């Protein structure tokens, strides 16, 4: 809605984007998420093969992964801030260009230092691309279509992961030089750069940008979309911790750190747990992940659609509870079949929350900080990706700690704690306009 700063008159706007235009934003975001998930999965499931191929040690692999995750966090914090200050489109182009260059050089890497440099550079693009895609999709889709469009974008994650694990599985079976898998995403990324170049800046950002320019000159201004222009003149991170947004910011940071760290555990530590404790083979763990990620795509659809009805916060609460139950099932499983069933359920309920919490961030924070908030959540995702797997691997290296105790302490208990955290978040109304939710 439009707010005139002098008369306080409100008028509901209609977007000037046609269906073809907002679908272009959705497709540009979907392909980016799929490439990010593809690359993310490629490297993580390749770890045992890379250890064997290049004689890398587990501490060296941990260093490579942790540095890439740290760079992703820093990039997310930075690019979100830049997107709210200078625009979404430019950052959306830069992230995919950087990713394509980094992925190419990952395929040429053979040493610890070359992997650190190539994965670190890739992470500059990979870290902020997905949250920025959700922001562009949220800002361009009509209210009644927004949940569906963001669901389409979120499907890129399980699709990319399923394809990534399948590619590594096939390369392993056919004994193809494993690092070459990283060349696969380069050409699609360059095509995506071309597509993103043709996109306009989002109407909401341009609307607020013009009003800010007028207000900064001491004049009154109006906006097509309801916005607190005076607050938007402050630094985005200062706005995130103003009284109106502070609670959401802190609680979402805690939640994303824990839930994303749990995902990283499922990708990094859980396969090792299956090999060392459940006596599965490396190829079997790859097959398990491929099956689980493929079925998880259905979970994204279910969670997004139910979330449209009952709210993102409420569907997250349900997902957390079922994730905890599934993890208990994995722990008590005694046969490969039982492990597979509970692994499918665990991945289904845990990963499908990516069809809820990124939506919540982009719907519950106003345009003036939307890109910052979206990337803020993802930055804590990357921090969680470092902390939780590192904690598990550290604990199992201590004689008095076993794998099961470590998983309970680092994953199960924090997930249960997350239920309490999410319960404190304000309720969202997914079918309302962004401004009705976020202000």
Protein backbone atom coordinates (compact mmCIF):
# COMPACT_ATOMS: atom_id res chain seq x y z
CA UNK A 1 0.00 0.00 0.00
CA UNK A 2 1.12 3.58 -0.50
CA UNK A 3 1.70 5.91 2.41
CA UNK A 4 1.85 9.65 1.96
CA UNK A 5 4.12 11.00 4.68
CA UNK A 6 2.04 14.14 5.04
CA UNK A 7 -1.54 12.84 4.88
CA UNK A 8 -1.07 9.25 6.15
CA UNK A 9 -3.33 8.14 3.27
CA UNK A 10 -3.12 4.42 2.42
CA UNK A 11 -3.84 2.95 -1.01
CA UNK A 12 -3.35 -0.73 -1.92
CA UNK A 13 -1.06 -1.01 -4.96
CA UNK A 14 -1.01 -3.58 -7.71
CA UNK A 15 2.27 -4.88 -9.08
CA UNK A 16 3.19 -3.76 -12.58
CA UNK A 17 4.99 -7.05 -13.29
CA UNK A 18 3.32 -9.45 -15.68
CA UNK A 19 3.20 -13.20 -15.05
CA UNK A 20 6.04 -13.72 -17.52
CA UNK A 21 8.21 -11.17 -15.68
CA UNK A 22 7.79 -12.52 -12.16
CA UNK A 23 8.32 -16.06 -13.45
CA UNK A 24 11.66 -14.91 -14.87
CA UNK A 25 12.70 -13.88 -11.35
CA UNK A 26 11.50 -17.23 -10.02
CA UNK A 27 13.40 -19.26 -12.65
CA UNK A 28 16.55 -17.17 -12.19
CA UNK A 29 16.37 -17.84 -8.46
CA UNK A 30 15.46 -21.54 -8.81
CA UNK A 31 18.41 -22.34 -11.07
CA UNK A 32 20.74 -20.47 -8.73
CA UNK A 33 19.54 -22.44 -5.71
CA UNK A 34 19.85 -25.71 -7.65
CA UNK A 35 23.43 -24.90 -8.69
CA UNK A 36 24.34 -23.88 -5.15
CA UNK A 37 22.89 -27.12 -3.72
CA UNK A 38 24.51 -29.15 -6.50
CA UNK A 39 27.95 -27.69 -5.76
CA UNK A 40 27.42 -27.93 -1.99
CA UNK A 41 26.51 -31.61 -2.27
CA UNK A 42 29.27 -32.37 -4.79
CA UNK A 43 31.99 -31.33 -2.41
CA UNK A 44 30.58 -32.79 0.79
CA UNK A 45 29.80 -36.25 -0.60
CA UNK A 46 33.14 -36.27 -2.43
CA UNK A 47 35.06 -35.92 0.82
CA UNK A 48 35.84 -39.66 1.31
CA UNK A 49 36.89 -39.93 -2.35
CA UNK A 50 39.07 -36.81 -2.17
CA UNK A 51 40.74 -38.12 0.98
CA UNK A 52 41.66 -41.30 -0.87
CA UNK A 53 42.64 -39.58 -4.13
CA UNK A 54 44.89 -36.85 -2.75
CA UNK A 55 45.91 -38.35 0.59
CA UNK A 56 44.13 -35.59 2.52
CA UNK A 57 43.60 -36.00 6.24
CA UNK A 58 40.34 -35.43 8.09
CA UNK A 59 41.73 -32.28 9.82
CA UNK A 60 42.72 -30.89 6.40
CA UNK A 61 39.27 -31.57 4.99
CA UNK A 62 37.71 -29.96 8.06
CA UNK A 63 39.89 -26.88 7.52
CA UNK A 64 38.82 -26.61 3.84
CA UNK A 65 35.14 -26.97 4.70
CA UNK A 66 35.22 -24.61 7.69
CA UNK A 67 37.02 -21.87 5.75
CA UNK A 68 34.53 -22.12 2.87
CA UNK A 69 31.61 -21.95 5.31
CA UNK A 70 33.16 -18.96 7.11
CA UNK A 71 33.63 -17.14 3.80
CA UNK A 72 29.99 -17.92 2.91
CA UNK A 73 28.85 -16.37 6.21
CA UNK A 74 30.92 -13.22 5.69
CA UNK A 75 29.70 -12.95 2.09
CA UNK A 76 26.07 -13.35 3.19
CA UNK A 77 26.37 -10.67 5.87
CA UNK A 78 28.00 -8.34 3.33
CA UNK A 79 25.93 -8.97 0.19
CA UNK A 80 22.61 -8.68 2.05
CA UNK A 81 23.68 -5.27 3.37
CA UNK A 82 24.87 -4.17 -0.07
CA UNK A 83 21.61 -5.34 -1.66
CA UNK A 84 19.54 -3.18 0.66
CA UNK A 85 21.80 -0.20 0.09
CA UNK A 86 22.54 -0.42 -3.65
CA UNK A 87 20.07 -2.85 -5.20
CA UNK A 88 19.33 -6.55 -5.63
CA UNK A 89 20.05 -7.05 -9.35
CA UNK A 90 23.76 -6.14 -9.34
CA UNK A 91 24.49 -8.44 -6.41
CA UNK A 92 22.43 -11.20 -8.05
CA UNK A 93 24.72 -11.05 -11.09
CA UNK A 94 27.96 -10.88 -9.14
CA UNK A 95 27.18 -13.91 -6.97
CA UNK A 96 26.62 -16.28 -9.91
CA UNK A 97 29.71 -15.00 -11.77
CA UNK A 98 31.91 -15.58 -8.73
CA UNK A 99 30.41 -19.05 -8.23
CA UNK A 100 31.17 -20.11 -11.82
CA UNK A 101 34.82 -19.04 -11.56
CA UNK A 102 35.30 -20.75 -8.20
CA UNK A 103 33.67 -23.98 -9.34
CA UNK A 104 35.95 -24.14 -12.38
CA UNK A 105 39.09 -23.80 -10.27
CA UNK A 106 37.79 -26.38 -7.77
CA UNK A 107 37.91 -28.89 -10.63
CA UNK A 108 41.62 -28.09 -11.08
CA UNK A 109 42.49 -28.32 -7.37
CA UNK A 110 44.82 -31.05 -6.09
CA UNK A 111 46.29 -29.74 -2.81
CA UNK A 112 44.98 -28.46 0.49
CA UNK A 113 45.83 -24.84 -0.33
CA UNK A 114 44.35 -24.99 -3.83
CA UNK A 115 41.10 -26.39 -2.39
CA UNK A 116 41.06 -23.67 0.29
CA UNK A 117 41.42 -20.93 -2.35
CA UNK A 118 38.97 -22.42 -4.87
CA UNK A 119 36.30 -23.37 -2.34
CA UNK A 120 36.71 -20.05 -0.55
CA UNK A 121 36.23 -18.10 -3.76
CA UNK A 122 33.24 -20.24 -4.74
CA UNK A 123 31.70 -19.50 -1.35
CA UNK A 124 31.75 -15.74 -1.96
CA UNK A 125 29.08 -16.35 -4.59
CA UNK A 126 27.45 -19.42 -3.09
CA UNK A 127 26.79 -17.98 0.38
CA UNK A 128 24.48 -15.07 -0.53
CA UNK A 129 22.94 -16.30 -3.80
CA UNK A 130 20.10 -18.41 -2.38
CA UNK A 131 18.82 -15.87 0.19
CA UNK A 132 19.00 -13.12 -2.40
CA UNK A 133 16.96 -15.28 -4.78
CA UNK A 134 14.23 -15.65 -2.16
CA UNK A 135 14.19 -11.88 -1.65
CA UNK A 136 13.74 -11.16 -5.35
CA UNK A 137 11.02 -13.80 -5.65
CA UNK A 138 9.16 -12.51 -2.59
CA UNK A 139 9.29 -8.91 -3.81
CA UNK A 140 8.08 -9.64 -7.35
CA UNK A 141 5.37 -12.30 -6.96
CA UNK A 142 1.73 -11.28 -6.26
CA UNK A 143 0.62 -12.02 -2.66
CA UNK A 144 -1.63 -14.90 -3.67
CA UNK A 145 1.18 -16.47 -5.74
CA UNK A 146 4.13 -15.66 -3.47
CA UNK A 147 4.09 -18.89 -1.47
CA UNK A 148 3.91 -20.99 -4.63
CA UNK A 149 6.70 -19.07 -6.37
CA UNK A 150 9.00 -19.36 -3.34
CA UNK A 151 8.16 -23.07 -3.12
CA UNK A 152 9.37 -23.46 -6.71
CA UNK A 153 12.62 -21.71 -5.75
CA UNK A 154 13.06 -23.89 -2.66
CA UNK A 155 12.78 -27.06 -4.76
CA UNK A 156 16.15 -26.18 -6.23
CA UNK A 157 17.76 -27.35 -2.99
CA UNK A 158 16.64 -31.02 -2.98
CA UNK A 159 16.90 -31.23 -6.78
CA UNK A 160 20.45 -29.89 -6.73
CA UNK A 161 21.44 -32.16 -3.86
CA UNK A 162 19.89 -35.26 -5.45
CA UNK A 163 21.65 -34.58 -8.75
CA UNK A 164 24.92 -33.80 -6.97
CA UNK A 165 24.93 -37.04 -4.98
CA UNK A 166 23.91 -39.00 -8.10
CA UNK A 167 26.76 -37.48 -10.13
CA UNK A 168 29.36 -38.33 -7.47
CA UNK A 169 27.87 -41.83 -7.20
CA UNK A 170 28.20 -42.35 -10.98
CA UNK A 171 31.72 -40.88 -11.10
CA UNK A 172 32.72 -43.24 -8.28
CA UNK A 173 31.20 -46.30 -9.97
CA UNK A 174 32.81 -45.48 -13.32
CA UNK A 175 36.17 -44.51 -11.72
CA UNK A 176 36.13 -41.08 -13.41
CA UNK A 177 38.57 -38.50 -12.02
CA UNK A 178 36.44 -37.11 -9.20
CA UNK A 179 37.36 -33.36 -9.24
CA UNK A 180 36.03 -33.10 -12.80
CA UNK A 181 32.50 -33.12 -11.35
CA UNK A 182 32.96 -29.45 -10.48
CA UNK A 183 33.19 -28.45 -14.15
CA UNK A 184 29.58 -29.52 -14.70
CA UNK A 185 28.03 -26.42 -13.11
CA UNK A 186 30.16 -23.81 -14.91
CA UNK A 187 28.25 -23.47 -18.20
CA UNK A 188 24.78 -23.41 -16.57
CA UNK A 189 26.05 -20.69 -14.24
CA UNK A 190 27.24 -18.53 -17.15
CA UNK A 191 23.88 -18.97 -18.88
CA UNK A 192 22.18 -17.93 -15.65
CA UNK A 193 24.35 -14.80 -15.55
CA UNK A 194 22.99 -13.88 -19.00
CA UNK A 195 19.41 -14.45 -17.81
CA UNK A 196 19.86 -12.35 -14.67
CA UNK A 197 21.36 -9.49 -16.67
CA UNK A 198 18.01 -9.13 -18.47
CA UNK A 199 16.03 -8.74 -15.22
CA UNK A 200 14.97 -5.30 -13.93
CA UNK A 201 15.54 -4.09 -10.38
CA UNK A 202 12.63 -4.96 -8.09
CA UNK A 203 9.83 -2.41 -7.99
CA UNK A 204 9.77 -2.34 -4.19
CA UNK A 205 13.46 -1.50 -3.93
CA UNK A 206 13.21 1.24 -6.59
CA UNK A 207 10.12 2.66 -4.87
CA UNK A 208 11.90 2.93 -1.53
CA UNK A 209 15.15 4.15 -3.09
CA UNK A 210 13.41 7.12 -4.73
CA UNK A 211 11.60 8.04 -1.51
CA UNK A 212 14.84 7.86 0.49
CA UNK A 213 16.58 10.17 -1.98
CA UNK A 214 13.79 12.74 -1.62
CA UNK A 215 13.57 12.49 2.19
CA UNK A 216 17.36 12.85 2.54
CA UNK A 217 16.99 16.26 0.87
CA UNK A 218 14.56 17.37 3.59
CA UNK A 219 11.47 17.03 1.42
CA UNK A 220 8.31 14.97 1.93
CA UNK A 221 7.79 11.85 -0.18
CA UNK A 222 5.27 9.12 -0.79
CA UNK A 223 5.78 5.44 -1.61
CA UNK A 224 3.68 3.06 -3.64
CA UNK A 225 4.36 0.34 -1.09
CA UNK A 226 3.93 1.01 2.63
CA UNK A 227 7.35 1.80 4.12
CA UNK A 228 8.87 3.60 7.07
CA UNK A 229 11.18 5.78 4.98
CA UNK A 230 12.68 7.58 8.01
CA UNK A 231 13.87 4.28 9.49
CA UNK A 232 15.20 3.14 6.12
CA UNK A 233 17.80 5.93 6.22
CA UNK A 234 19.60 4.11 9.04
CA UNK A 235 22.13 1.34 8.48
CA UNK A 236 20.27 -1.95 7.73
CA UNK A 237 21.96 -3.82 10.58
CA UNK A 238 21.05 -1.10 13.05
CA UNK A 239 17.46 -1.43 11.85
CA UNK A 240 17.57 -5.21 12.36
CA UNK A 241 18.17 -4.62 16.06
CA UNK A 242 15.70 -1.80 16.59
CA UNK A 243 12.90 -2.67 18.99
CA UNK A 244 10.44 -3.57 16.21
CA UNK A 245 12.72 -6.19 14.58
CA UNK A 246 15.14 -7.24 17.34
CA UNK A 247 13.17 -10.22 18.64
CA UNK A 248 12.71 -11.77 15.21
CA UNK A 249 16.36 -11.17 14.34
CA UNK A 250 17.76 -12.88 17.43
CA UNK A 251 15.37 -15.84 17.45
CA UNK A 252 15.84 -16.55 13.74
CA UNK A 253 19.62 -16.42 14.15
CA UNK A 254 19.45 -19.09 16.87
CA UNK A 255 17.05 -21.25 14.87
CA UNK A 256 18.95 -21.11 11.56
CA UNK A 257 22.27 -21.84 13.27
CA UNK A 258 20.92 -25.01 14.86
CA UNK A 259 18.76 -26.34 12.04
CA UNK A 260 21.38 -25.63 9.34
CA UNK A 261 24.11 -27.09 11.51
CA UNK A 262 21.98 -30.23 11.79
CA UNK A 263 21.80 -30.39 8.00
CA UNK A 264 25.59 -30.13 7.80
CA UNK A 265 25.85 -32.96 10.31
CA UNK A 266 23.60 -35.08 8.08
CA UNK A 267 25.93 -34.41 5.15
CA UNK A 268 29.33 -34.55 6.87
CA UNK A 269 29.13 -36.56 10.10
CA UNK A 270 26.09 -38.79 9.63
CA UNK A 271 27.63 -40.73 6.68
CA UNK A 272 30.68 -41.40 8.86
CA UNK A 273 28.38 -42.51 11.69
CA UNK A 274 26.71 -44.94 9.29
CA UNK A 275 30.07 -46.32 8.18
CA UNK A 276 31.72 -46.62 11.61
CA UNK A 277 28.71 -47.47 13.80
CA UNK A 278 25.99 -48.84 11.52
CA UNK A 279 28.54 -50.74 9.36
CA UNK A 280 27.38 -49.40 5.99
CA UNK A 281 29.72 -48.98 2.99
CA UNK A 282 30.65 -45.61 1.45
CA UNK A 283 28.69 -46.47 -1.72
CA UNK A 284 25.67 -47.39 0.42
CA UNK A 285 25.76 -44.01 2.17
CA UNK A 286 25.80 -42.27 -1.23
CA UNK A 287 22.80 -44.33 -2.32
CA UNK A 288 20.98 -43.56 0.94
CA UNK A 289 21.56 -39.83 0.47
CA UNK A 290 20.41 -39.93 -3.16
CA UNK A 291 17.17 -41.69 -2.21
CA UNK A 292 16.58 -39.42 0.79
CA UNK A 293 17.19 -36.17 -1.11
CA UNK A 294 15.00 -37.28 -3.98
CA UNK A 295 12.08 -37.96 -1.64
CA UNK A 296 12.77 -34.77 0.32
CA UNK A 297 11.61 -32.75 -2.70
CA UNK A 298 8.08 -33.90 -1.88
CA UNK A 299 8.57 -32.55 1.64
CA UNK A 300 9.30 -29.08 0.27
CA UNK A 301 6.00 -29.07 -1.60
CA UNK A 302 4.05 -30.35 1.41
CA UNK A 303 5.62 -27.89 3.85
CA UNK A 304 5.20 -24.90 1.52
CA UNK A 305 1.55 -25.67 0.82
CA UNK A 306 0.63 -26.37 4.45
CA UNK A 307 2.64 -23.32 5.51
CA UNK A 308 0.46 -21.20 3.23
CA UNK A 309 -2.54 -22.37 5.24
CA UNK A 310 -1.33 -22.46 8.85
CA UNK A 311 1.68 -20.11 8.72
CA UNK A 312 5.41 -20.66 8.30
CA UNK A 313 6.11 -20.53 12.02
CA UNK A 314 3.61 -23.26 12.81
CA UNK A 315 4.81 -25.64 10.09
CA UNK A 316 8.40 -25.14 11.31
CA UNK A 317 7.32 -26.23 14.80
CA UNK A 318 5.75 -29.41 13.41
CA UNK A 319 8.84 -30.11 11.29
CA UNK A 320 11.19 -29.73 14.26
CA UNK A 321 9.18 -32.17 16.36
CA UNK A 322 9.10 -34.82 13.62
CA UNK A 323 12.81 -34.27 12.90
CA UNK A 324 13.64 -35.05 16.53
CA UNK A 325 11.52 -38.23 16.44
CA UNK A 326 13.20 -39.37 13.19
CA UNK A 327 16.68 -38.81 14.62
CA UNK A 328 15.80 -40.96 17.62
CA UNK A 329 14.72 -43.62 15.12
CA UNK A 330 18.13 -43.49 13.40
CA UNK A 331 19.92 -43.88 16.71
CA UNK A 332 17.95 -46.96 17.78
CA UNK A 333 17.98 -48.62 14.32
CA UNK A 334 19.72 -52.00 14.14
CA UNK A 335 19.45 -52.91 10.43
CA UNK A 336 20.37 -51.09 7.18
CA UNK A 337 16.68 -51.05 6.22
CA UNK A 338 15.70 -49.30 9.43
CA UNK A 339 18.53 -46.80 9.01
CA UNK A 340 17.35 -46.04 5.48
CA UNK A 341 13.72 -45.51 6.55
CA UNK A 342 14.56 -43.17 9.42
CA UNK A 343 17.23 -41.40 7.36
CA UNK A 344 14.56 -40.68 4.72
CA UNK A 345 12.22 -39.31 7.40
CA UNK A 346 14.98 -37.29 9.07
CA UNK A 347 16.05 -35.69 5.78
CA UNK A 348 12.39 -35.20 4.79
CA UNK A 349 11.38 -33.26 7.89
CA UNK A 350 14.68 -31.42 8.43
CA UNK A 351 15.46 -30.30 4.90
CA UNK A 352 11.87 -29.39 4.04
CA UNK A 353 12.06 -26.57 6.59
CA UNK A 354 13.87 -24.67 3.83
CA UNK A 355 10.39 -24.32 2.33
CA UNK A 356 9.36 -22.37 5.44
CA UNK A 357 12.03 -20.36 7.25
CA UNK A 358 13.46 -18.48 4.20
CA UNK A 359 9.85 -17.59 3.37
CA UNK A 360 9.32 -16.35 6.93
CA UNK A 361 12.39 -14.11 6.81
CA UNK A 362 11.36 -12.49 3.53
CA UNK A 363 7.72 -12.10 4.50
CA UNK A 364 8.25 -10.86 8.07
CA UNK A 365 10.96 -8.23 7.49
CA UNK A 366 10.20 -5.00 5.60
CA UNK A 367 11.69 -3.97 2.25
CA UNK A 368 14.15 -1.61 3.94
CA UNK A 369 16.02 -4.62 5.45
CA UNK A 370 14.59 -7.60 3.57
CA UNK A 371 17.79 -8.62 1.74
CA UNK A 372 19.83 -8.03 4.91
CA UNK A 373 17.45 -10.19 6.96
CA UNK A 374 17.35 -12.98 4.39
CA UNK A 375 21.14 -13.11 4.17
CA UNK A 376 21.43 -12.66 7.94
CA UNK A 377 19.56 -15.94 8.42
CA UNK A 378 21.74 -17.68 5.87
CA UNK A 379 24.91 -16.29 7.42
CA UNK A 380 23.99 -18.02 10.66
CA UNK A 381 23.25 -21.10 8.58
CA UNK A 382 26.88 -21.14 7.49
CA UNK A 383 28.06 -20.52 11.05
CA UNK A 384 25.98 -23.49 12.18
CA UNK A 385 27.51 -25.53 9.37
CA UNK A 386 30.86 -24.97 11.04
CA UNK A 387 29.96 -25.33 14.70
CA UNK A 388 27.79 -28.46 14.84
CA UNK A 389 29.79 -30.86 12.62
CA UNK A 390 33.03 -29.65 14.20
CA UNK A 391 31.56 -30.25 17.65
CA UNK A 392 30.58 -33.82 16.76
CA UNK A 393 33.91 -34.69 15.16
CA UNK A 394 35.72 -33.17 18.15
CA UNK A 395 33.64 -35.09 20.68
CA UNK A 396 34.06 -38.47 18.95
CA UNK A 397 37.82 -37.96 19.02
CA UNK A 398 37.61 -37.95 22.81
CA UNK A 399 37.78 -41.45 24.27
CA UNK A 400 34.90 -40.94 26.68
CA UNK A 401 32.48 -39.84 23.91
CA UNK A 402 30.88 -42.16 21.39
CA UNK A 403 29.08 -41.29 18.15
CA UNK A 404 25.64 -41.75 19.64
CA UNK A 405 26.31 -39.54 22.64
CA UNK A 406 27.77 -36.86 20.39
CA UNK A 407 24.75 -36.86 18.05
CA UNK A 408 22.36 -36.60 20.99
CA UNK A 409 24.29 -33.71 22.56
CA UNK A 410 25.02 -31.74 19.38
CA UNK A 411 21.90 -32.37 17.26
CA UNK A 412 18.98 -33.91 19.14
CA UNK A 413 18.97 -31.67 22.22
CA UNK A 414 19.47 -28.43 20.21
CA UNK A 415 16.61 -29.37 17.86
CA UNK A 416 14.32 -29.83 20.85
CA UNK A 417 15.53 -26.45 22.17
CA UNK A 418 14.68 -24.96 18.76
CA UNK A 419 11.03 -25.87 19.28
CA UNK A 420 10.97 -23.48 22.24
CA UNK A 421 12.80 -20.77 20.27
CA UNK A 422 10.47 -20.87 17.26
CA UNK A 423 7.44 -20.85 19.56
CA UNK A 424 8.47 -17.32 20.63
CA UNK A 425 8.38 -15.94 17.08
CA UNK A 426 5.43 -13.77 16.03
CA UNK A 427 2.75 -15.48 13.96
CA UNK A 428 2.87 -14.81 10.22
CA UNK A 429 0.07 -14.45 7.67
CA UNK A 430 1.41 -15.84 4.38
CA UNK A 431 -1.42 -14.74 2.10
CA UNK A 432 -1.18 -11.06 3.08
CA UNK A 433 0.88 -8.49 1.21
CA UNK A 434 4.52 -8.26 2.26
CA UNK A 435 3.87 -4.89 3.85
CA UNK A 436 0.95 -6.21 5.94
CA UNK A 437 3.22 -8.94 7.36
CA UNK A 438 6.41 -7.01 7.84
CA UNK A 439 5.33 -3.64 9.23
